[in-house]
Amino acid sequence: MDKDSTYYFIGIKGSGMSSLALILHDEGYKVEGSDIEQYTFTQKGLEEAGIKILPFNPDNLRAGLTVVAGNAFTDDHPEIKRAHELGLTVIRYHELLGQMLDSYTSIGVAGTHGKTSTTGLLAHVLSGLDKTSYLIGDGTGKGIPDARFFVFEADEYRRHFVAYHPDYMIMTNVDFDHPDYYKDLADVESAFQQVANQVKKGIFAWGEDENLRKLKTDVPIYYYGTKENDDFQAKNIERTTTGSEFDVFHNGEKLGRFTINLFGEHNVLNSLAVIAVAFFEKVDLDLVQKEILSYQGVKRRFSKETVADNILIDDYAHHPSEIKATIDAARQEFPDKKIVAVFQPHTYSRTAALIDGFAQSLSLADQVVLTEIFGSARENAGEVSSQDLADKIGNNTRLIHEDDLSAISNLHDAVLVFMGAGDITKYENAYKALFK
């Protein structure tokens, strides 16, 4: 990497891109980038760091730039085309990240669900114990010169994570998602097997995932979970309205009792994975407990606020498994309140492929409200609609629009769980505006 070059990020507000831009900036590199002018939740950190954000324009490109192209953009993007015309070095996000890992003890977090939450928790815990650089999928990243650890989120989309050869990898689960790219579950499994073959020291995998149990690798695989055949086990789990407590055992030996201020069974499992990594890096587990206890979560993962007499929860959940986990967490913290799922389906292809799963998971809420489908720039509007999903759920499922929030405007003493990976936040903001 070149300290004399300026790294120009095309799509700098993307969650992974903004994280990587912040890391390079922290490590003394010159950084700037371009994106849409619409405000996104990732740009606050970039602005606070003093990183210049320009509107997309091919005229931004000039000699002396090293271009980092966001994975969302094809080589036909006007800025990428101009970069090639000028003979600039153009590198993809995942390729640059792959190049950076060799300087650290690197720990990747992969999985169809739970990547961001687990990466955030691991980064928080290790940062409290030693110098740690990290890249989290919620748009946060930090570079520490001479760091011991590098914690990063490894995205399976379009097999981007096969650019990585980390020391360790946590694998939270393997599920069918991204139907615009993967043919079926077997195709997703093959991608995880490919990246597993590249891990240098060890893999920590959720033991109840049948697909992760099939992995064959040269490095050891340590399974974590709640079953007797897991290498790291959570036992005597107590879930309350303030969080969860559990004992951790490794091969039959008790390592301690841990408390987390997080909700849902998935957060017990995520914590268990982090404890397992810390154990193998010979970190003091009493210090690990202290760091886990102080963890507050990542952006757009079960973020809470009160509006009028209702609780609003904002969550990135956009797959049936994630919706189920988020509603489970809401029930744990608010057992006596009505749980209302306000869901924005993300992409036509995913909605069509997983519509039965969406209906099943959303039915776990007391009331379901849907927005229109948030389509991807990479697809055409399909033959599936939010009304199709509403019909499958039944139970008086209603649709809302940004200028018609009547389905949620008269709720009282309820928990509104806004979920989605598109622009669901605009509906939240419209809802909050009703009470200003």
Protein backbone atom coordinates (compact mmCIF):
# COMPACT_ATOMS: atom_id res chain seq x y z
CA MET A 1 0.00 0.00 0.00
CA ASP A 2 1.17 3.47 -0.94
CA LYS A 3 1.25 6.33 1.60
CA ASP A 4 1.88 8.82 -1.23
CA SER A 5 -1.32 7.89 -3.06
CA THR A 6 -4.82 9.11 -2.23
CA TYR A 7 -7.32 6.25 -1.89
CA TYR A 8 -10.54 7.22 -3.67
CA PHE A 9 -13.57 5.13 -2.65
CA ILE A 10 -16.36 4.84 -5.25
CA GLY A 11 -19.46 4.26 -3.11
CA ILE A 12 -17.79 5.46 0.10
CA LYS A 13 -21.09 5.50 2.05
CA GLY A 14 -21.56 1.75 1.63
CA SER A 15 -21.40 0.08 5.04
CA GLY A 16 -18.23 -1.92 4.32
CA MET A 17 -16.66 0.85 2.25
CA SER A 18 -17.09 3.52 4.92
CA SER A 19 -15.56 1.17 7.50
CA LEU A 20 -12.53 0.49 5.31
CA ALA A 21 -12.13 4.20 4.48
CA LEU A 22 -12.07 5.01 8.22
CA ILE A 23 -9.41 2.33 8.86
CA LEU A 24 -7.12 3.66 6.12
CA HIS A 25 -7.63 7.21 7.36
CA ASP A 26 -6.75 6.18 10.92
CA GLU A 27 -3.59 4.47 9.69
CA GLY A 28 -2.34 7.67 8.03
CA TYR A 29 -3.46 7.22 4.42
CA LYS A 30 -5.09 10.01 2.42
CA VAL A 31 -8.74 9.10 1.79
CA GLU A 32 -11.68 10.61 -0.07
CA GLY A 33 -14.60 9.22 -2.04
CA SER A 34 -17.90 9.65 -3.83
CA ASP A 35 -21.49 8.52 -3.46
CA ILE A 36 -25.14 9.55 -3.82
CA GLU A 37 -26.05 12.89 -2.23
CA GLN A 38 -28.92 11.43 -0.17
CA TYR A 39 -28.03 11.21 3.55
CA THR A 40 -27.12 7.75 4.86
CA PHE A 41 -26.45 6.58 8.41
CA THR A 42 -22.80 5.76 7.55
CA GLN A 43 -21.72 9.26 6.58
CA LYS A 44 -21.63 10.73 10.10
CA GLY A 45 -18.42 8.85 10.95
CA LEU A 46 -16.81 9.87 7.65
CA GLU A 47 -17.68 13.53 8.22
CA GLU A 48 -16.38 13.44 11.80
CA ALA A 49 -13.07 12.07 10.48
CA GLY A 50 -12.87 14.93 7.96
CA ILE A 51 -13.02 12.59 4.95
CA LYS A 52 -14.17 14.41 1.81
CA ILE A 53 -17.38 12.96 0.25
CA LEU A 54 -18.11 14.10 -3.32
CA PRO A 55 -21.22 13.50 -5.45
CA PHE A 56 -20.67 10.87 -8.16
CA ASN A 57 -18.97 12.54 -11.13
CA PRO A 58 -16.36 11.14 -13.53
CA ASP A 59 -14.58 14.52 -13.34
CA ASN A 60 -13.62 13.68 -9.73
CA LEU A 61 -11.00 11.25 -11.06
CA ARG A 62 -7.45 12.53 -11.52
CA ALA A 63 -3.84 11.37 -11.60
CA GLY A 64 -2.39 10.13 -8.31
CA LEU A 65 -5.51 8.31 -7.10
CA THR A 66 -5.75 4.64 -6.19
CA VAL A 67 -9.39 3.75 -6.79
CA VAL A 68 -11.26 1.43 -4.42
CA ALA A 69 -14.43 0.33 -6.21
CA GLY A 70 -17.47 -0.64 -4.16
CA ASN A 71 -18.77 -4.13 -4.85
CA ALA A 72 -22.22 -2.75 -5.68
CA PHE A 73 -20.88 -1.14 -8.88
CA THR A 74 -20.03 -2.79 -12.19
CA ASP A 75 -17.14 -1.76 -14.43
CA ASP A 76 -19.70 0.23 -16.47
CA HIS A 77 -20.05 2.79 -13.65
CA PRO A 78 -18.99 6.19 -15.13
CA GLU A 79 -16.34 6.81 -12.44
CA ILE A 80 -14.83 3.33 -12.76
CA LYS A 81 -14.74 3.72 -16.56
CA ARG A 82 -12.97 7.09 -16.20
CA ALA A 83 -10.46 5.59 -13.75
CA HIS A 84 -9.57 2.91 -16.32
CA GLU A 85 -9.29 5.54 -19.08
CA LEU A 86 -6.81 7.48 -16.92
CA GLY A 87 -4.79 4.32 -16.26
CA LEU A 88 -5.41 4.48 -12.49
CA THR A 89 -5.05 1.41 -10.29
CA VAL A 90 -8.56 0.11 -9.59
CA ILE A 91 -9.00 -2.40 -6.79
CA ARG A 92 -12.19 -3.90 -5.42
CA TYR A 93 -13.15 -3.49 -1.75
CA HIS A 94 -12.74 -7.17 -0.88
CA GLU A 95 -9.38 -7.38 -2.68
CA LEU A 96 -7.95 -4.46 -0.70
CA LEU A 97 -9.22 -5.90 2.57
CA GLY A 98 -7.68 -9.27 1.70
CA GLN A 99 -4.30 -7.60 1.16
CA MET A 100 -4.42 -5.88 4.57
CA LEU A 101 -4.91 -8.99 6.73
CA ASP A 102 -1.35 -10.32 6.71
CA SER A 103 -0.05 -7.68 9.14
CA TYR A 104 -2.25 -8.85 12.05
CA THR A 105 -3.74 -11.78 13.91
CA SER A 106 -6.86 -11.62 11.74
CA ILE A 107 -10.29 -12.92 12.75
CA GLY A 108 -13.08 -12.93 10.19
CA VAL A 109 -16.77 -13.35 10.96
CA ALA A 110 -18.83 -15.09 8.28
CA GLY A 111 -22.42 -16.31 8.23
CA THR A 112 -25.68 -15.68 6.45
CA HIS A 113 -26.97 -14.02 9.65
CA GLY A 114 -25.36 -12.54 12.74
CA LYS A 115 -22.13 -11.32 11.12
CA THR A 116 -22.39 -7.67 12.09
CA SER A 117 -23.54 -8.27 15.68
CA THR A 118 -20.80 -10.84 16.29
CA THR A 119 -18.09 -8.72 14.61
CA GLY A 120 -19.13 -5.74 16.72
CA LEU A 121 -19.01 -7.74 19.96
CA LEU A 122 -15.64 -9.33 19.11
CA ALA A 123 -14.14 -5.95 18.15
CA HIS A 124 -15.41 -4.40 21.39
CA VAL A 125 -14.06 -7.19 23.59
CA LEU A 126 -10.62 -7.43 21.95
CA SER A 127 -10.25 -3.62 21.80
CA GLY A 128 -10.54 -3.60 25.59
CA LEU A 129 -7.74 -6.16 25.89
CA ASP A 130 -5.13 -5.20 23.27
CA LYS A 131 -4.63 -3.01 20.20
CA THR A 132 -7.37 -3.97 17.73
CA SER A 133 -8.28 -2.66 14.29
CA TYR A 134 -11.77 -3.55 13.11
CA LEU A 135 -14.17 -3.34 10.20
CA ILE A 136 -17.87 -3.81 10.99
CA GLY A 137 -20.73 -4.01 8.50
CA ASP A 138 -22.66 -1.20 10.19
CA GLY A 139 -20.27 1.33 8.64
CA THR A 140 -17.84 1.63 11.55
CA GLY A 141 -14.16 0.94 11.26
CA LYS A 142 -11.03 1.82 13.21
CA GLY A 143 -7.38 1.46 12.33
CA ILE A 144 -4.82 1.24 15.13
CA PRO A 145 -1.13 1.46 14.15
CA ASP A 146 0.76 -1.71 15.23
CA ALA A 147 -2.50 -3.44 16.19
CA ARG A 148 -2.31 -7.05 17.41
CA PHE A 149 -5.79 -8.04 16.16
CA PHE A 150 -7.77 -7.24 13.03
CA VAL A 151 -11.45 -8.14 13.33
CA PHE A 152 -13.54 -7.95 10.17
CA GLU A 153 -16.88 -8.91 8.72
CA ALA A 154 -16.56 -11.39 5.83
CA ASP A 155 -19.48 -11.07 3.40
CA GLU A 156 -20.52 -14.13 1.40
CA TYR A 157 -22.33 -12.07 -1.26
CA ARG A 158 -20.99 -12.98 -4.73
CA ARG A 159 -18.32 -15.04 -2.95
CA HIS A 160 -16.43 -11.85 -2.02
CA PHE A 161 -15.09 -13.47 1.16
CA VAL A 162 -12.94 -15.90 -0.82
CA ALA A 163 -10.46 -13.00 -1.14
CA TYR A 164 -9.62 -13.54 2.55
CA HIS A 165 -7.10 -15.88 4.22
CA PRO A 166 -7.56 -15.06 7.93
CA ASP A 167 -5.93 -16.71 10.94
CA TYR A 168 -9.30 -17.52 12.50
CA MET A 169 -12.88 -17.40 11.34
CA ILE A 170 -16.17 -17.48 13.21
CA MET A 171 -19.01 -19.00 11.16
CA THR A 172 -22.40 -18.23 12.68
CA ASN A 173 -24.60 -20.21 10.22
CA VAL A 174 -25.15 -21.14 6.57
CA ASP A 175 -28.56 -20.43 5.08
CA PHE A 176 -29.96 -19.83 1.60
CA ASP A 177 -29.91 -16.12 0.78
CA HIS A 178 -28.91 -13.81 -2.10
CA PRO A 179 -31.05 -15.74 -4.61
CA ASP A 180 -29.99 -13.20 -7.26
CA TYR A 181 -26.52 -14.82 -7.13
CA TYR A 182 -26.59 -18.23 -5.44
CA LYS A 183 -28.50 -21.01 -7.19
CA ASP A 184 -29.47 -22.94 -4.05
CA LEU A 185 -28.31 -23.86 -0.55
CA ALA A 186 -25.65 -26.24 -1.93
CA ASP A 187 -24.13 -23.32 -3.84
CA VAL A 188 -23.92 -21.26 -0.60
CA GLU A 189 -22.38 -24.26 1.22
CA SER A 190 -19.69 -24.58 -1.45
CA ALA A 191 -18.72 -20.92 -0.93
CA PHE A 192 -18.36 -21.43 2.83
CA GLN A 193 -16.31 -24.60 2.22
CA GLN A 194 -14.04 -22.64 -0.13
CA VAL A 195 -13.32 -19.90 2.43
CA ALA A 196 -12.96 -22.49 5.24
CA ASN A 197 -10.11 -24.06 3.25
CA GLN A 198 -8.25 -20.73 3.41
CA VAL A 199 -8.35 -20.24 7.21
CA LYS A 200 -4.86 -20.62 8.72
CA LYS A 201 -5.34 -21.52 12.42
CA GLY A 202 -8.90 -22.48 13.33
CA ILE A 203 -12.64 -22.09 12.76
CA PHE A 204 -15.32 -21.47 15.40
CA ALA A 205 -18.67 -22.68 14.07
CA TRP A 206 -22.22 -22.94 15.44
CA GLY A 207 -22.71 -26.59 16.26
CA GLU A 208 -26.43 -26.87 15.49
CA ASP A 209 -25.99 -25.83 11.87
CA GLU A 210 -26.00 -29.06 9.85
CA ASN A 211 -24.22 -27.34 6.98
CA LEU A 212 -21.35 -26.18 9.20
CA ARG A 213 -21.04 -29.72 10.60
CA LYS A 214 -20.29 -30.88 7.04
CA LEU A 215 -17.16 -28.72 6.69
CA LYS A 216 -13.91 -30.57 5.97
CA THR A 217 -10.73 -28.59 6.64
CA ASP A 218 -7.06 -29.02 7.50
CA VAL A 219 -7.36 -26.65 10.48
CA PRO A 220 -9.34 -27.54 13.63
CA ILE A 221 -13.04 -26.66 13.82
CA TYR A 222 -14.35 -25.82 17.30
CA TYR A 223 -18.12 -25.99 17.53
CA TYR A 224 -20.03 -23.77 19.96
CA GLY A 225 -23.64 -24.05 21.11
CA THR A 226 -25.88 -25.57 23.75
CA LYS A 227 -25.57 -29.28 22.94
CA GLU A 228 -23.39 -32.00 24.49
CA ASN A 229 -21.42 -32.52 21.27
CA ASP A 230 -20.27 -28.87 21.18
CA ASP A 231 -16.67 -28.02 22.12
CA PHE A 232 -17.82 -24.78 23.77
CA GLN A 233 -21.16 -25.05 25.55
CA ALA A 234 -23.54 -22.54 27.12
CA LYS A 235 -25.39 -24.17 30.02
CA ASN A 236 -27.82 -23.02 32.71
CA ILE A 237 -29.04 -20.15 30.52
CA GLU A 238 -31.25 -17.60 32.27
CA ARG A 239 -32.99 -15.04 30.05
CA THR A 240 -34.61 -12.06 31.77
CA THR A 241 -35.86 -8.59 30.87
CA THR A 242 -32.37 -7.19 31.56
CA GLY A 243 -30.32 -9.67 29.51
CA SER A 244 -28.99 -13.21 29.79
CA GLU A 245 -26.68 -15.23 32.03
CA PHE A 246 -25.03 -18.56 31.25
CA ASP A 247 -22.19 -20.88 32.24
CA VAL A 248 -19.52 -21.63 29.65
CA PHE A 249 -17.91 -25.08 29.46
CA HIS A 250 -15.02 -26.16 27.23
CA ASN A 251 -14.65 -29.93 26.84
CA GLY A 252 -16.43 -30.44 30.16
CA GLU A 253 -14.42 -27.84 32.12
CA LYS A 254 -16.28 -24.76 33.38
CA LEU A 255 -14.65 -21.54 32.21
CA GLY A 256 -16.97 -19.22 34.15
CA ARG A 257 -20.41 -17.64 34.29
CA PHE A 258 -21.05 -14.78 31.88
CA THR A 259 -23.66 -12.01 31.84
CA ILE A 260 -24.71 -10.03 28.75
CA ASN A 261 -26.97 -6.99 28.47
CA LEU A 262 -28.26 -8.32 25.14
CA PHE A 263 -31.48 -10.08 24.22
CA GLY A 264 -32.39 -13.17 22.24
CA GLU A 265 -30.87 -16.64 22.08
CA HIS A 266 -28.69 -15.60 19.12
CA ASN A 267 -26.77 -13.17 21.34
CA VAL A 268 -25.94 -15.96 23.79
CA LEU A 269 -24.46 -17.88 20.84
CA ASN A 270 -22.60 -14.83 19.47
CA SER A 271 -21.08 -14.23 22.90
CA LEU A 272 -20.06 -17.87 23.14
CA ALA A 273 -18.17 -17.60 19.84
CA VAL A 274 -16.30 -14.51 21.09
CA ILE A 275 -15.42 -16.24 24.38
CA ALA A 276 -14.07 -19.23 22.41
CA VAL A 277 -11.79 -16.98 20.31
CA ALA A 278 -10.53 -15.20 23.44
CA PHE A 279 -9.84 -18.56 25.12
CA PHE A 280 -7.61 -19.67 22.24
CA GLU A 281 -5.76 -16.37 22.21
CA LYS A 282 -5.09 -16.96 25.95
CA VAL A 283 -6.90 -13.79 27.01
CA ASP A 284 -7.95 -13.37 30.68
CA LEU A 285 -11.61 -14.47 30.71
CA ASP A 286 -12.43 -12.24 33.70
CA LEU A 287 -11.49 -9.28 31.51
CA VAL A 288 -13.56 -10.75 28.67
CA GLN A 289 -16.60 -10.88 30.99
CA LYS A 290 -16.08 -7.23 31.93
CA GLU A 291 -15.84 -6.16 28.27
CA ILE A 292 -18.89 -8.20 27.20
CA LEU A 293 -20.93 -6.61 29.99
CA SER A 294 -20.15 -3.09 28.73
CA TYR A 295 -21.13 -3.84 25.12
CA GLN A 296 -24.04 -1.76 23.78
CA GLY A 297 -24.51 -3.20 20.28
CA VAL A 298 -23.99 -1.96 16.71
CA LYS A 299 -25.95 0.40 14.49
CA ARG A 300 -29.29 -0.85 13.15
CA ARG A 301 -29.19 -4.00 15.28
CA PHE A 302 -31.92 -3.82 17.91
CA SER A 303 -31.48 -0.05 18.45
CA LYS A 304 -34.17 1.27 20.81
CA GLU A 305 -35.88 4.57 21.53
CA THR A 306 -39.16 5.74 23.06
CA VAL A 307 -41.68 7.74 21.03
CA ALA A 308 -44.87 8.81 22.83
CA ASP A 309 -45.86 5.72 24.86
CA ASN A 310 -44.37 3.22 22.39
CA ILE A 311 -40.95 1.59 22.11
CA LEU A 312 -39.33 1.72 18.66
CA ILE A 313 -36.75 -0.93 17.74
CA ASP A 314 -34.69 -0.49 14.57
CA ASP A 315 -33.11 -3.63 13.13
CA TYR A 316 -31.42 -4.65 9.87
CA ALA A 317 -33.24 -8.02 9.81
CA HIS A 318 -34.12 -8.89 6.20
CA HIS A 319 -34.18 -12.71 6.13
CA PRO A 320 -36.75 -15.01 7.83
CA SER A 321 -34.14 -16.36 10.29
CA GLU A 322 -33.14 -12.83 11.31
CA ILE A 323 -36.76 -11.69 11.72
CA LYS A 324 -37.42 -14.68 14.00
CA ALA A 325 -34.36 -13.83 16.12
CA THR A 326 -35.30 -10.14 16.39
CA ILE A 327 -38.89 -10.86 17.46
CA ASP A 328 -37.54 -13.41 19.98
CA ALA A 329 -35.27 -10.71 21.44
CA ALA A 330 -38.16 -8.21 21.63
CA ARG A 331 -40.33 -10.77 23.46
CA GLN A 332 -37.54 -11.38 25.99
CA GLU A 333 -37.10 -7.71 26.84
CA PHE A 334 -40.78 -6.70 26.61
CA PRO A 335 -42.80 -9.80 27.57
CA ASP A 336 -45.95 -7.87 28.50
CA LYS A 337 -46.23 -5.57 25.48
CA LYS A 338 -47.83 -6.00 22.06
CA ILE A 339 -45.10 -6.69 19.46
CA VAL A 340 -45.78 -5.06 16.08
CA ALA A 341 -43.48 -6.06 13.20
CA VAL A 342 -43.09 -3.26 10.63
CA PHE A 343 -41.22 -4.91 7.78
CA GLN A 344 -39.84 -3.68 4.46
CA PRO A 345 -39.13 -6.66 2.17
CA HIS A 346 -35.69 -6.27 0.57
CA THR A 347 -35.40 -7.19 -3.13
CA TYR A 348 -38.00 -8.91 -5.28
CA SER A 349 -35.81 -11.98 -5.76
CA ARG A 350 -35.40 -12.59 -2.02
CA THR A 351 -39.10 -11.95 -1.32
CA ALA A 352 -40.16 -14.41 -4.02
CA ALA A 353 -37.65 -17.10 -3.04
CA LEU A 354 -38.32 -16.95 0.71
CA ILE A 355 -41.96 -15.81 0.89
CA ASP A 356 -43.15 -18.81 2.96
CA GLY A 357 -40.33 -18.29 5.47
CA PHE A 358 -41.14 -14.58 5.75
CA ALA A 359 -44.80 -15.36 6.44
CA GLN A 360 -43.87 -17.91 9.11
CA SER A 361 -41.38 -15.65 10.93
CA LEU A 362 -43.49 -12.49 10.79
CA SER A 363 -46.47 -14.42 12.19
CA LEU A 364 -44.55 -14.61 15.49
CA ALA A 365 -45.44 -10.92 16.04
CA ASP A 366 -48.82 -9.87 17.43
CA GLN A 367 -49.44 -7.57 14.45
CA VAL A 368 -47.68 -7.28 11.07
CA VAL A 369 -47.40 -4.15 8.94
CA LEU A 370 -45.60 -4.18 5.56
CA THR A 371 -44.17 -1.47 3.32
CA GLU A 372 -43.74 -1.89 -0.42
CA ILE A 373 -40.75 -4.00 -1.52
CA PHE A 374 -37.41 -2.19 -1.64
CA GLY A 375 -35.99 -3.27 -5.00
CA SER A 376 -32.31 -3.56 -5.78
CA ALA A 377 -30.64 -1.56 -8.55
CA ARG A 378 -29.49 -4.94 -9.90
CA GLU A 379 -33.02 -6.27 -10.57
CA ASN A 380 -36.29 -5.45 -12.27
CA ALA A 381 -39.57 -5.34 -10.38
CA GLY A 382 -40.72 -8.92 -10.19
CA GLU A 383 -44.12 -10.51 -10.14
CA VAL A 384 -44.20 -10.64 -6.33
CA SER A 385 -45.62 -7.82 -4.18
CA SER A 386 -45.97 -6.97 -0.51
CA GLN A 387 -49.68 -7.72 -0.85
CA ASP A 388 -48.77 -11.32 -1.80
CA LEU A 389 -46.81 -11.61 1.44
CA ALA A 390 -49.65 -9.97 3.40
CA ASP A 391 -52.09 -12.53 1.97
CA LYS A 392 -49.82 -15.38 3.10
CA ILE A 393 -49.56 -14.01 6.65
CA GLY A 394 -53.26 -13.16 7.02
CA ASN A 395 -54.17 -12.07 10.58
CA ASN A 396 -55.16 -8.57 9.46
CA THR A 397 -51.73 -7.77 8.02
CA ARG A 398 -51.77 -4.19 6.72
CA LEU A 399 -49.67 -2.13 4.30
CA ILE A 400 -48.30 1.36 4.93
CA HIS A 401 -46.89 4.10 2.70
CA GLU A 402 -44.65 6.98 3.70
CA ASP A 403 -47.62 9.37 3.52
CA ASP A 404 -50.14 6.93 5.03
CA LEU A 405 -49.13 5.53 8.40
CA SER A 406 -52.67 4.92 9.62
CA ALA A 407 -51.88 1.23 10.35
CA ILE A 408 -49.43 2.26 13.10
CA SER A 409 -50.31 5.86 14.02
CA ASN A 410 -52.85 4.95 16.74
CA LEU A 411 -50.88 2.26 18.59
CA HIS A 412 -50.34 2.67 22.34
CA ASP A 413 -48.02 0.95 24.82
CA ALA A 414 -46.67 -1.26 22.01
CA VAL A 415 -43.26 -2.27 20.68
CA LEU A 416 -42.84 -1.34 17.00
CA VAL A 417 -40.03 -3.39 15.47
CA PHE A 418 -38.94 -1.70 12.22
CA MET A 419 -37.01 -4.26 10.15
CA GLY A 420 -35.35 -4.19 6.74
CA ALA A 421 -32.15 -3.60 4.79
CA GLY A 422 -33.47 -0.90 2.45
CA ASP A 423 -34.71 2.57 3.46
CA ILE A 424 -37.08 1.46 6.23
CA THR A 425 -35.66 4.33 8.34
CA LYS A 426 -37.69 6.82 6.26
CA TYR A 427 -40.86 5.19 7.62
CA GLU A 428 -39.48 5.40 11.15
CA ASN A 429 -38.70 9.09 10.66
CA ALA A 430 -42.17 9.73 9.23
CA TYR A 431 -43.68 7.97 12.26
CA LYS A 432 -41.59 10.04 14.69
CA ALA A 433 -42.61 13.24 12.86
CA LEU A 434 -46.25 12.53 13.81
CA PHE A 435 -45.37 13.18 17.45
CA LYS A 436 -43.25 16.32 17.05
